[in-house]
Amino acid sequence: ATIEIAEQLHPGAWRLAPEPAPEDVAGLTHEVPRW
């Protein structure tokens, strides 16, 4: 997510990850439920 979206969704409860995303996390944005 963008920093803006992270703050909107989880105000004050997030940080940038120190390492690259694992493949399973990266794949989440390639398919989402219709709803």
Full PDB file with SEQRES, HELIX, SHEET, SSBOND, CRYST1, ORIGX, SCALE, CONECT and MASTER records, all heavy atoms in Angstrom:
SEQRES   1 A   35  ALA THR ILE GLU ILE ALA GLU GLN LEU HIS PRO GLY ALA          
SEQRES   2 A   35  TRP ARG LEU ALA PRO GLU PRO ALA PRO GLU ASP VAL ALA          
SEQRES   3 A   35  GLY LEU THR HIS GLU VAL PRO ARG TRP                          
HELIX    1 AA1 ILE A    3  LEU A    9  1                                   7    
HELIX    2 AA2 GLU A   23  ALA A   26  1                                   4    
HELIX    3 AA3 GLY A   27  HIS A   30  5                                   4    
CRYST1    1.000    1.000    1.000  90.00  90.00  90.00 P 1           1          
ORIGX1      1.000000  0.000000  0.000000        0.00000                         
ORIGX2      0.000000  1.000000  0.000000        0.00000                         
ORIGX3      0.000000  0.000000  1.000000        0.00000                         
SCALE1      1.000000  0.000000  0.000000        0.00000                         
SCALE2      0.000000  1.000000  0.000000        0.00000                         
SCALE3      0.000000  0.000000  1.000000        0.00000                         
ATOM      1  N   ALA A   1       0.846  -1.196   0.000  1.00  0.00           N  
ATOM      2  CA  ALA A   1       0.000   0.000   0.000  1.00  0.00           C  
ATOM      3  C   ALA A   1       0.878   1.240   0.000  1.00  0.00           C  
ATOM      4  O   ALA A   1       2.054   1.180   0.358  1.00  0.00           O  
ATOM      5  CB  ALA A   1      -0.905   0.012   1.237  1.00  0.00           C  
ATOM      6  N   THR A   2       0.283   2.340  -0.401  1.00  0.00           N  
ATOM      7  CA  THR A   2       0.990   3.606  -0.278  1.00  0.00           C  
ATOM      8  C   THR A   2       1.013   3.992   1.198  1.00  0.00           C  
ATOM      9  O   THR A   2       0.225   3.498   2.010  1.00  0.00           O  
ATOM     10  CB  THR A   2       0.298   4.718  -1.080  1.00  0.00           C  
ATOM     11  OG1 THR A   2      -0.991   4.949  -0.511  1.00  0.00           O  
ATOM     12  CG2 THR A   2       0.184   4.368  -2.551  1.00  0.00           C  
ATOM     13  N   ILE A   3       1.905   4.892   1.541  1.00  0.00           N  
ATOM     14  CA  ILE A   3       2.001   5.362   2.923  1.00  0.00           C  
ATOM     15  C   ILE A   3       0.688   6.022   3.336  1.00  0.00           C  
ATOM     16  O   ILE A   3       0.214   5.835   4.461  1.00  0.00           O  
ATOM     17  CB  ILE A   3       3.207   6.313   3.069  1.00  0.00           C  
ATOM     18  CG1 ILE A   3       4.499   5.490   2.931  1.00  0.00           C  
ATOM     19  CG2 ILE A   3       3.163   7.073   4.381  1.00  0.00           C  
ATOM     20  CD1 ILE A   3       5.762   6.291   2.806  1.00  0.00           C  
ATOM     21  N   GLU A   4       0.078   6.762   2.417  1.00  0.00           N  
ATOM     22  CA  GLU A   4      -1.189   7.432   2.716  1.00  0.00           C  
ATOM     23  C   GLU A   4      -2.282   6.421   3.056  1.00  0.00           C  
ATOM     24  O   GLU A   4      -3.046   6.601   4.010  1.00  0.00           O  
ATOM     25  CB  GLU A   4      -1.628   8.315   1.548  1.00  0.00           C  
ATOM     26  CG  GLU A   4      -0.715   9.496   1.282  1.00  0.00           C  
ATOM     27  CD  GLU A   4       0.549   9.145   0.488  1.00  0.00           C  
ATOM     28  OE1 GLU A   4       0.609   8.050  -0.122  1.00  0.00           O  
ATOM     29  OE2 GLU A   4       1.479   9.952   0.512  1.00  0.00           O  
ATOM     30  N   ILE A   5      -2.371   5.365   2.264  1.00  0.00           N  
ATOM     31  CA  ILE A   5      -3.399   4.351   2.507  1.00  0.00           C  
ATOM     32  C   ILE A   5      -3.109   3.619   3.819  1.00  0.00           C  
ATOM     33  O   ILE A   5      -4.026   3.356   4.603  1.00  0.00           O  
ATOM     34  CB  ILE A   5      -3.508   3.378   1.318  1.00  0.00           C  
ATOM     35  CG1 ILE A   5      -4.141   4.108   0.127  1.00  0.00           C  
ATOM     36  CG2 ILE A   5      -4.306   2.139   1.683  1.00  0.00           C  
ATOM     37  CD1 ILE A   5      -4.226   3.301  -1.125  1.00  0.00           C  
ATOM     38  N   ALA A   6      -1.835   3.319   4.085  1.00  0.00           N  
ATOM     39  CA  ALA A   6      -1.484   2.660   5.342  1.00  0.00           C  
ATOM     40  C   ALA A   6      -1.946   3.496   6.531  1.00  0.00           C  
ATOM     41  O   ALA A   6      -2.521   2.969   7.487  1.00  0.00           O  
ATOM     42  CB  ALA A   6       0.024   2.418   5.407  1.00  0.00           C  
ATOM     43  N   GLU A   7      -1.731   4.787   6.462  1.00  0.00           N  
ATOM     44  CA  GLU A   7      -2.125   5.660   7.572  1.00  0.00           C  
ATOM     45  C   GLU A   7      -3.647   5.745   7.687  1.00  0.00           C  
ATOM     46  O   GLU A   7      -4.192   5.786   8.784  1.00  0.00           O  
ATOM     47  CB  GLU A   7      -1.517   7.051   7.416  1.00  0.00           C  
ATOM     48  CG  GLU A   7      -1.785   7.974   8.583  1.00  0.00           C  
ATOM     49  CD  GLU A   7      -1.236   7.494   9.931  1.00  0.00           C  
ATOM     50  OE1 GLU A   7      -0.249   6.734   9.967  1.00  0.00           O  
ATOM     51  OE2 GLU A   7      -1.831   7.869  10.959  1.00  0.00           O  
ATOM     52  N   GLN A   8      -4.342   5.765   6.549  1.00  0.00           N  
ATOM     53  CA  GLN A   8      -5.803   5.824   6.587  1.00  0.00           C  
ATOM     54  C   GLN A   8      -6.399   4.541   7.162  1.00  0.00           C  
ATOM     55  O   GLN A   8      -7.351   4.586   7.935  1.00  0.00           O  
ATOM     56  CB  GLN A   8      -6.369   6.077   5.191  1.00  0.00           C  
ATOM     57  CG  GLN A   8      -6.128   7.472   4.693  1.00  0.00           C  
ATOM     58  CD  GLN A   8      -6.571   7.658   3.253  1.00  0.00           C  
ATOM     59  OE1 GLN A   8      -6.872   6.710   2.545  1.00  0.00           O  
ATOM     60  NE2 GLN A   8      -6.601   8.905   2.808  1.00  0.00           N  
ATOM     61  N   LEU A   9      -5.830   3.401   6.781  1.00  0.00           N  
ATOM     62  CA  LEU A   9      -6.373   2.118   7.228  1.00  0.00           C  
ATOM     63  C   LEU A   9      -5.937   1.741   8.635  1.00  0.00           C  
ATOM     64  O   LEU A   9      -6.691   1.108   9.381  1.00  0.00           O  
ATOM     65  CB  LEU A   9      -5.951   1.005   6.264  1.00  0.00           C  
ATOM     66  CG  LEU A   9      -6.511   1.084   4.858  1.00  0.00           C  
ATOM     67  CD1 LEU A   9      -5.912  -0.021   3.998  1.00  0.00           C  
ATOM     68  CD2 LEU A   9      -8.021   0.996   4.869  1.00  0.00           C  
ATOM     69  N   HIS A  10      -4.708   2.115   9.002  1.00  0.00           N  
ATOM     70  CA  HIS A  10      -4.131   1.704  10.285  1.00  0.00           C  
ATOM     71  C   HIS A  10      -3.400   2.891  10.918  1.00  0.00           C  
ATOM     72  O   HIS A  10      -2.171   2.877  11.039  1.00  0.00           O  
ATOM     73  CB  HIS A  10      -3.170   0.534  10.078  1.00  0.00           C  
ATOM     74  CG  HIS A  10      -3.775  -0.619   9.349  1.00  0.00           C  
ATOM     75  ND1 HIS A  10      -4.584  -1.544   9.972  1.00  0.00           N  
ATOM     76  CD2 HIS A  10      -3.721  -0.991   8.042  1.00  0.00           C  
ATOM     77  CE1 HIS A  10      -4.977  -2.441   9.093  1.00  0.00           C  
ATOM     78  NE2 HIS A  10      -4.485  -2.128   7.915  1.00  0.00           N  
ATOM     79  N   PRO A  11      -4.124   3.928  11.339  1.00  0.00           N  
ATOM     80  CA  PRO A  11      -3.475   5.142  11.850  1.00  0.00           C  
ATOM     81  C   PRO A  11      -2.488   4.850  12.986  1.00  0.00           C  
ATOM     82  O   PRO A  11      -2.855   4.280  14.004  1.00  0.00           O  
ATOM     83  CB  PRO A  11      -4.641   5.997  12.357  1.00  0.00           C  
ATOM     84  CG  PRO A  11      -5.872   5.405  11.779  1.00  0.00           C  
ATOM     85  CD  PRO A  11      -5.567   3.981  11.455  1.00  0.00           C  
ATOM     86  N   GLY A  12      -1.238   5.208  12.742  1.00  0.00           N  
ATOM     87  CA  GLY A  12      -0.207   5.055  13.750  1.00  0.00           C  
ATOM     88  C   GLY A  12       0.180   3.622  14.074  1.00  0.00           C  
ATOM     89  O   GLY A  12       0.960   3.396  14.992  1.00  0.00           O  
ATOM     90  N   ALA A  13      -0.355   2.656  13.351  1.00  0.00           N  
ATOM     91  CA  ALA A  13      -0.095   1.245  13.659  1.00  0.00           C  
ATOM     92  C   ALA A  13       0.536   0.529  12.466  1.00  0.00           C  
ATOM     93  O   ALA A  13       0.154  -0.579  12.120  1.00  0.00           O  
ATOM     94  CB  ALA A  13      -1.387   0.554  14.092  1.00  0.00           C  
ATOM     95  N   TRP A  14       1.509   1.150  11.830  1.00  0.00           N  
ATOM     96  CA  TRP A  14       2.176   0.547  10.683  1.00  0.00           C  
ATOM     97  C   TRP A  14       3.602   1.072  10.596  1.00  0.00           C  
ATOM     98  O   TRP A  14       3.955   2.047  11.239  1.00  0.00           O  
ATOM     99  CB  TRP A  14       1.425   0.862   9.385  1.00  0.00           C  
ATOM    100  CG  TRP A  14       1.382   2.341   9.085  1.00  0.00           C  
ATOM    101  CD1 TRP A  14       0.456   3.239   9.514  1.00  0.00           C  
ATOM    102  CD2 TRP A  14       2.332   3.090   8.332  1.00  0.00           C  
ATOM    103  NE1 TRP A  14       0.773   4.500   9.075  1.00  0.00           N  
ATOM    104  CE2 TRP A  14       1.921   4.439   8.337  1.00  0.00           C  
ATOM    105  CE3 TRP A  14       3.501   2.760   7.648  1.00  0.00           C  
ATOM    106  CZ2 TRP A  14       2.623   5.442   7.686  1.00  0.00           C  
ATOM    107  CZ3 TRP A  14       4.202   3.761   6.991  1.00  0.00           C  
ATOM    108  CH2 TRP A  14       3.759   5.087   7.020  1.00  0.00           C  
ATOM    109  N   ARG A  15       4.402   0.381   9.798  1.00  0.00           N  
ATOM    110  CA  ARG A  15       5.762   0.830   9.501  1.00  0.00           C  
ATOM    111  C   ARG A  15       6.169   0.234   8.156  1.00  0.00           C  
ATOM    112  O   ARG A  15       5.580  -0.756   7.706  1.00  0.00           O  
ATOM    113  CB  ARG A  15       6.732   0.407  10.596  1.00  0.00           C  
ATOM    114  CG  ARG A  15       6.905  -1.103  10.698  1.00  0.00           C  
ATOM    115  CD  ARG A  15       7.882  -1.500  11.795  1.00  0.00           C  
ATOM    116  NE  ARG A  15       7.915  -2.950  11.921  1.00  0.00           N  
ATOM    117  CZ  ARG A  15       7.875  -3.601  13.061  1.00  0.00           C  
ATOM    118  NH1 ARG A  15       7.804  -2.941  14.197  1.00  0.00           N  
ATOM    119  NH2 ARG A  15       7.917  -4.914  13.090  1.00  0.00           N  
ATOM    120  N   LEU A  16       7.163   0.839   7.543  1.00  0.00           N  
ATOM    121  CA  LEU A  16       7.699   0.270   6.311  1.00  0.00           C  
ATOM    122  C   LEU A  16       8.417  -1.023   6.651  1.00  0.00           C  
ATOM    123  O   LEU A  16       9.162  -1.087   7.635  1.00  0.00           O  
ATOM    124  CB  LEU A  16       8.660   1.248   5.637  1.00  0.00           C  
ATOM    125  CG  LEU A  16       8.020   2.487   5.030  1.00  0.00           C  
ATOM    126  CD1 LEU A  16       9.093   3.458   4.554  1.00  0.00           C  
ATOM    127  CD2 LEU A  16       7.103   2.114   3.876  1.00  0.00           C  
ATOM    128  N   ALA A  17       8.197  -2.049   5.839  1.00  0.00           N  
ATOM    129  CA  ALA A  17       8.846  -3.331   6.075  1.00  0.00           C  
ATOM    130  C   ALA A  17      10.339  -3.205   5.775  1.00  0.00           C  
ATOM    131  O   ALA A  17      10.728  -2.545   4.815  1.00  0.00           O  
ATOM    132  CB  ALA A  17       8.219  -4.414   5.203  1.00  0.00           C  
ATOM    133  N   PRO A  18      11.176  -3.846   6.581  1.00  0.00           N  
ATOM    134  CA  PRO A  18      12.609  -3.721   6.388  1.00  0.00           C  
ATOM    135  C   PRO A  18      13.152  -4.529   5.212  1.00  0.00           C  
ATOM    136  O   PRO A  18      14.235  -4.249   4.737  1.00  0.00           O  
ATOM    137  CB  PRO A  18      13.191  -4.233   7.710  1.00  0.00           C  
ATOM    138  CG  PRO A  18      12.150  -5.135   8.270  1.00  0.00           C  
ATOM    139  CD  PRO A  18      10.838  -4.575   7.790  1.00  0.00           C  
ATOM    140  N   GLU A  19      12.422  -5.520   4.742  1.00  0.00           N  
ATOM    141  CA  GLU A  19      12.906  -6.343   3.639  1.00  0.00           C  
ATOM    142  C   GLU A  19      11.818  -6.476   2.582  1.00  0.00           C  
ATOM    143  O   GLU A  19      10.659  -6.151   2.821  1.00  0.00           O  
ATOM    144  CB  GLU A  19      13.346  -7.730   4.123  1.00  0.00           C  
ATOM    145  CG  GLU A  19      12.232  -8.614   4.587  1.00  0.00           C  
ATOM    146  CD  GLU A  19      11.867  -8.415   6.062  1.00  0.00           C  
ATOM    147  OE1 GLU A  19      12.570  -7.736   6.801  1.00  0.00           O  
ATOM    148  OE2 GLU A  19      10.842  -8.969   6.449  1.00  0.00           O  
ATOM    149  N   PRO A  20      12.179  -6.949   1.405  1.00  0.00           N  
ATOM    150  CA  PRO A  20      11.178  -7.105   0.337  1.00  0.00           C  
ATOM    151  C   PRO A  20      10.054  -8.057   0.753  1.00  0.00           C  
ATOM    152  O   PRO A  20      10.242  -8.924   1.605  1.00  0.00           O  
ATOM    153  CB  PRO A  20      11.974  -7.705  -0.831  1.00  0.00           C  
ATOM    154  CG  PRO A  20      13.401  -7.437  -0.509  1.00  0.00           C  
ATOM    155  CD  PRO A  20      13.501  -7.330   0.987  1.00  0.00           C  
ATOM    156  N   ALA A  21       8.920  -7.877   0.109  1.00  0.00           N  
ATOM    157  CA  ALA A  21       7.759  -8.725   0.403  1.00  0.00           C  
ATOM    158  C   ALA A  21       7.986 -10.140  -0.091  1.00  0.00           C  
ATOM    159  O   ALA A  21       8.534 -10.352  -1.160  1.00  0.00           O  
ATOM    160  CB  ALA A  21       6.523  -8.159  -0.287  1.00  0.00           C  
ATOM    161  N   PRO A  22       7.572 -11.121   0.695  1.00  0.00           N  
ATOM    162  CA  PRO A  22       7.606 -12.482   0.183  1.00  0.00           C  
ATOM    163  C   PRO A  22       6.612 -12.609  -0.975  1.00  0.00           C  
ATOM    164  O   PRO A  22       5.698 -11.813  -1.102  1.00  0.00           O  
ATOM    165  CB  PRO A  22       7.186 -13.337   1.373  1.00  0.00           C  
ATOM    166  CG  PRO A  22       6.706 -12.416   2.428  1.00  0.00           C  
ATOM    167  CD  PRO A  22       7.079 -11.013   2.048  1.00  0.00           C  
ATOM    168  N   GLU A  23       6.817 -13.622  -1.793  1.00  0.00           N  
ATOM    169  CA  GLU A  23       5.974 -13.799  -2.984  1.00  0.00           C  
ATOM    170  C   GLU A  23       4.489 -13.868  -2.653  1.00  0.00           C  
ATOM    171  O   GLU A  23       3.661 -13.337  -3.360  1.00  0.00           O  
ATOM    172  CB  GLU A  23       6.388 -15.056  -3.757  1.00  0.00           C  
ATOM    173  CG  GLU A  23       7.661 -14.882  -4.547  1.00  0.00           C  
ATOM    174  CD  GLU A  23       7.576 -13.746  -5.551  1.00  0.00           C  
ATOM    175  OE1 GLU A  23       6.591 -13.651  -6.298  1.00  0.00           O  
ATOM    176  OE2 GLU A  23       8.517 -12.936  -5.595  1.00  0.00           O  
ATOM    177  N   ASP A  24       4.137 -14.530  -1.537  1.00  0.00           N  
ATOM    178  CA  ASP A  24       2.708 -14.659  -1.229  1.00  0.00           C  
ATOM    179  C   ASP A  24       2.087 -13.306  -0.895  1.00  0.00           C  
ATOM    180  O   ASP A  24       0.932 -13.056  -1.203  1.00  0.00           O  
ATOM    181  CB  ASP A  24       2.459 -15.659  -0.097  1.00  0.00           C  
ATOM    182  CG  ASP A  24       3.144 -15.266   1.195  1.00  0.00           C  
ATOM    183  OD1 ASP A  24       4.172 -14.570   1.141  1.00  0.00           O  
ATOM    184  OD2 ASP A  24       2.646 -15.669   2.251  1.00  0.00           O  
ATOM    185  N   VAL A  25       2.819 -12.377  -0.281  1.00  0.00           N  
ATOM    186  CA  VAL A  25       2.291 -11.048   0.003  1.00  0.00           C  
ATOM    187  C   VAL A  25       2.218 -10.239  -1.274  1.00  0.00           C  
ATOM    188  O   VAL A  25       1.233  -9.570  -1.560  1.00  0.00           O  
ATOM    189  CB  VAL A  25       3.149 -10.327   1.068  1.00  0.00           C  
ATOM    190  CG1 VAL A  25       2.687  -8.895   1.238  1.00  0.00           C  
ATOM    191  CG2 VAL A  25       3.060 -11.067   2.385  1.00  0.00           C  
ATOM    192  N   ALA A  26       3.265 -10.314  -2.088  1.00  0.00           N  
ATOM    193  CA  ALA A  26       3.278  -9.563  -3.337  1.00  0.00           C  
ATOM    194  C   ALA A  26       2.126  -9.999  -4.240  1.00  0.00           C  
ATOM    195  O   ALA A  26       1.556  -9.185  -4.949  1.00  0.00           O  
ATOM    196  CB  ALA A  26       4.612  -9.739  -4.052  1.00  0.00           C  
ATOM    197  N   GLY A  27       1.767 -11.283  -4.193  1.00  0.00           N  
ATOM    198  CA  GLY A  27       0.711 -11.778  -5.062  1.00  0.00           C  
ATOM    199  C   GLY A  27      -0.680 -11.322  -4.668  1.00  0.00           C  
ATOM    200  O   GLY A  27      -1.605 -11.414  -5.463  1.00  0.00           O  
ATOM    201  N   LEU A  28      -0.855 -10.824  -3.449  1.00  0.00           N  
ATOM    202  CA  LEU A  28      -2.184 -10.423  -3.002  1.00  0.00           C  
ATOM    203  C   LEU A  28      -2.797  -9.349  -3.880  1.00  0.00           C  
ATOM    204  O   LEU A  28      -3.992  -9.313  -4.048  1.00  0.00           O  
ATOM    205  CB  LEU A  28      -2.132  -9.929  -1.553  1.00  0.00           C  
ATOM    206  CG  LEU A  28      -1.908 -10.977  -0.486  1.00  0.00           C  
ATOM    207  CD1 LEU A  28      -1.804 -10.332   0.883  1.00  0.00           C  
ATOM    208  CD2 LEU A  28      -3.002 -12.016  -0.512  1.00  0.00           C  
ATOM    209  N   THR A  29      -1.991  -8.469  -4.424  1.00  0.00           N  
ATOM    210  CA  THR A  29      -2.562  -7.379  -5.206  1.00  0.00           C  
ATOM    211  C   THR A  29      -2.883  -7.786  -6.633  1.00  0.00           C  
ATOM    212  O   THR A  29      -3.383  -6.987  -7.386  1.00  0.00           O  
ATOM    213  CB  THR A  29      -1.630  -6.154  -5.211  1.00  0.00           C  
ATOM    214  OG1 THR A  29      -0.386  -6.528  -5.753  1.00  0.00           O  
ATOM    215  CG2 THR A  29      -1.478  -5.595  -3.831  1.00  0.00           C  
ATOM    216  N   HIS A  30      -2.596  -9.025  -6.998  1.00  0.00           N  
ATOM    217  CA  HIS A  30      -2.896  -9.463  -8.354  1.00  0.00           C  
ATOM    218  C   HIS A  30      -4.278 -10.082  -8.475  1.00  0.00           C  
ATOM    219  O   HIS A  30      -4.776 -10.289  -9.572  1.00  0.00           O  
ATOM    220  CB  HIS A  30      -1.832 -10.448  -8.842  1.00  0.00           C  
ATOM    221  CG  HIS A  30      -0.482  -9.820  -8.930  1.00  0.00           C  
ATOM    222  ND1 HIS A  30      -0.158  -8.917  -9.912  1.00  0.00           N  
ATOM    223  CD2 HIS A  30       0.600  -9.917  -8.146  1.00  0.00           C  
ATOM    224  CE1 HIS A  30       1.072  -8.505  -9.729  1.00  0.00           C  
ATOM    225  NE2 HIS A  30       1.555  -9.089  -8.665  1.00  0.00           N  
ATOM    226  N   GLU A  31      -4.903 -10.351  -7.347  1.00  0.00           N  
ATOM    227  CA  GLU A  31      -6.242 -10.957  -7.345  1.00  0.00           C  
ATOM    228  C   GLU A  31      -6.954 -10.509  -6.081  1.00  0.00           C  
ATOM    229  O   GLU A  31      -6.425 -10.641  -4.985  1.00  0.00           O  
ATOM    230  CB  GLU A  31      -6.112 -12.480  -7.381  1.00  0.00           C  
ATOM    231  CG  GLU A  31      -7.414 -13.213  -7.461  1.00  0.00           C  
ATOM    232  CD  GLU A  31      -7.201 -14.714  -7.647  1.00  0.00           C  
ATOM    233  OE1 GLU A  31      -6.133 -15.121  -8.134  1.00  0.00           O  
ATOM    234  OE2 GLU A  31      -8.117 -15.455  -7.285  1.00  0.00           O  
ATOM    235  N   VAL A  32      -8.142  -9.952  -6.262  1.00  0.00           N  
ATOM    236  CA  VAL A  32      -8.934  -9.519  -5.110  1.00  0.00           C  
ATOM    237  C   VAL A  32     -10.366 -10.014  -5.277  1.00  0.00           C  
ATOM    238  O   VAL A  32     -10.844 -10.200  -6.392  1.00  0.00           O  
ATOM    239  CB  VAL A  32      -8.925  -7.971  -4.937  1.00  0.00           C  
ATOM    240  CG1 VAL A  32      -7.519  -7.460  -4.654  1.00  0.00           C  
ATOM    241  CG2 VAL A  32      -9.527  -7.265  -6.134  1.00  0.00           C  
ATOM    242  N   PRO A  33     -11.063 -10.228  -4.162  1.00  0.00           N  
ATOM    243  CA  PRO A  33     -12.474 -10.617  -4.272  1.00  0.00           C  
ATOM    244  C   PRO A  33     -13.285  -9.508  -4.947  1.00  0.00           C  
ATOM    245  O   PRO A  33     -12.983  -8.324  -4.781  1.00  0.00           O  
ATOM    246  CB  PRO A  33     -12.922 -10.787  -2.813  1.00  0.00           C  
ATOM    247  CG  PRO A  33     -11.694 -10.799  -1.997  1.00  0.00           C  
ATOM    248  CD  PRO A  33     -10.620 -10.127  -2.779  1.00  0.00           C  
ATOM    249  N   ARG A  34     -14.285  -9.912  -5.695  1.00  0.00           N  
ATOM    250  CA  ARG A  34     -15.126  -8.928  -6.402  1.00  0.00           C  
ATOM    251  C   ARG A  34     -15.680  -7.885  -5.440  1.00  0.00           C  
ATOM    252  O   ARG A  34     -15.658  -6.689  -5.733  1.00  0.00           O  
ATOM    253  CB  ARG A  34     -16.270  -9.635  -7.142  1.00  0.00           C  
ATOM    254  CG  ARG A  34     -17.176  -8.650  -7.893  1.00  0.00           C  
ATOM    255  CD  ARG A  34     -18.382  -9.330  -8.540  1.00  0.00           C  
ATOM    256  NE  ARG A  34     -19.314  -9.742  -7.517  1.00  0.00           N  
ATOM    257  CZ  ARG A  34     -19.785 -10.982  -7.386  1.00  0.00           C  
ATOM    258  NH1 ARG A  34     -19.414 -11.924  -8.201  1.00  0.00           N  
ATOM    259  NH2 ARG A  34     -20.636 -11.269  -6.427  1.00  0.00           N  
ATOM    260  N   TRP A  35     -16.178  -8.301  -4.277  1.00  0.00           N  
ATOM    261  CA  TRP A  35     -16.768  -7.341  -3.345  1.00  0.00           C  
ATOM    262  C   TRP A  35     -15.746  -6.282  -2.951  1.00  0.00           C  
ATOM    263  O   TRP A  35     -16.093  -5.098  -2.830  1.00  0.00           O  
ATOM    264  CB  TRP A  35     -17.349  -8.035  -2.116  1.00  0.00           C  
ATOM    265  CG  TRP A  35     -16.331  -8.602  -1.171  1.00  0.00           C  
ATOM    266  CD1 TRP A  35     -15.867  -9.895  -1.133  1.00  0.00           C  
ATOM    267  CD2 TRP A  35     -15.619  -7.908  -0.149  1.00  0.00           C  
ATOM    268  NE1 TRP A  35     -14.920 -10.033  -0.148  1.00  0.00           N  
ATOM    269  CE2 TRP A  35     -14.749  -8.822   0.482  1.00  0.00           C  
ATOM    270  CE3 TRP A  35     -15.641  -6.593   0.312  1.00  0.00           C  
ATOM    271  CZ2 TRP A  35     -13.904  -8.482   1.524  1.00  0.00           C  
ATOM    272  CZ3 TRP A  35     -14.799  -6.241   1.358  1.00  0.00           C  
ATOM    273  CH2 TRP A  35     -13.948  -7.175   1.950  1.00  0.00           C  
TER     274      TRP A  35                                                      
MASTER        0    0    0    3    0    0    0    6  273    1    0    3          
END                                                                             
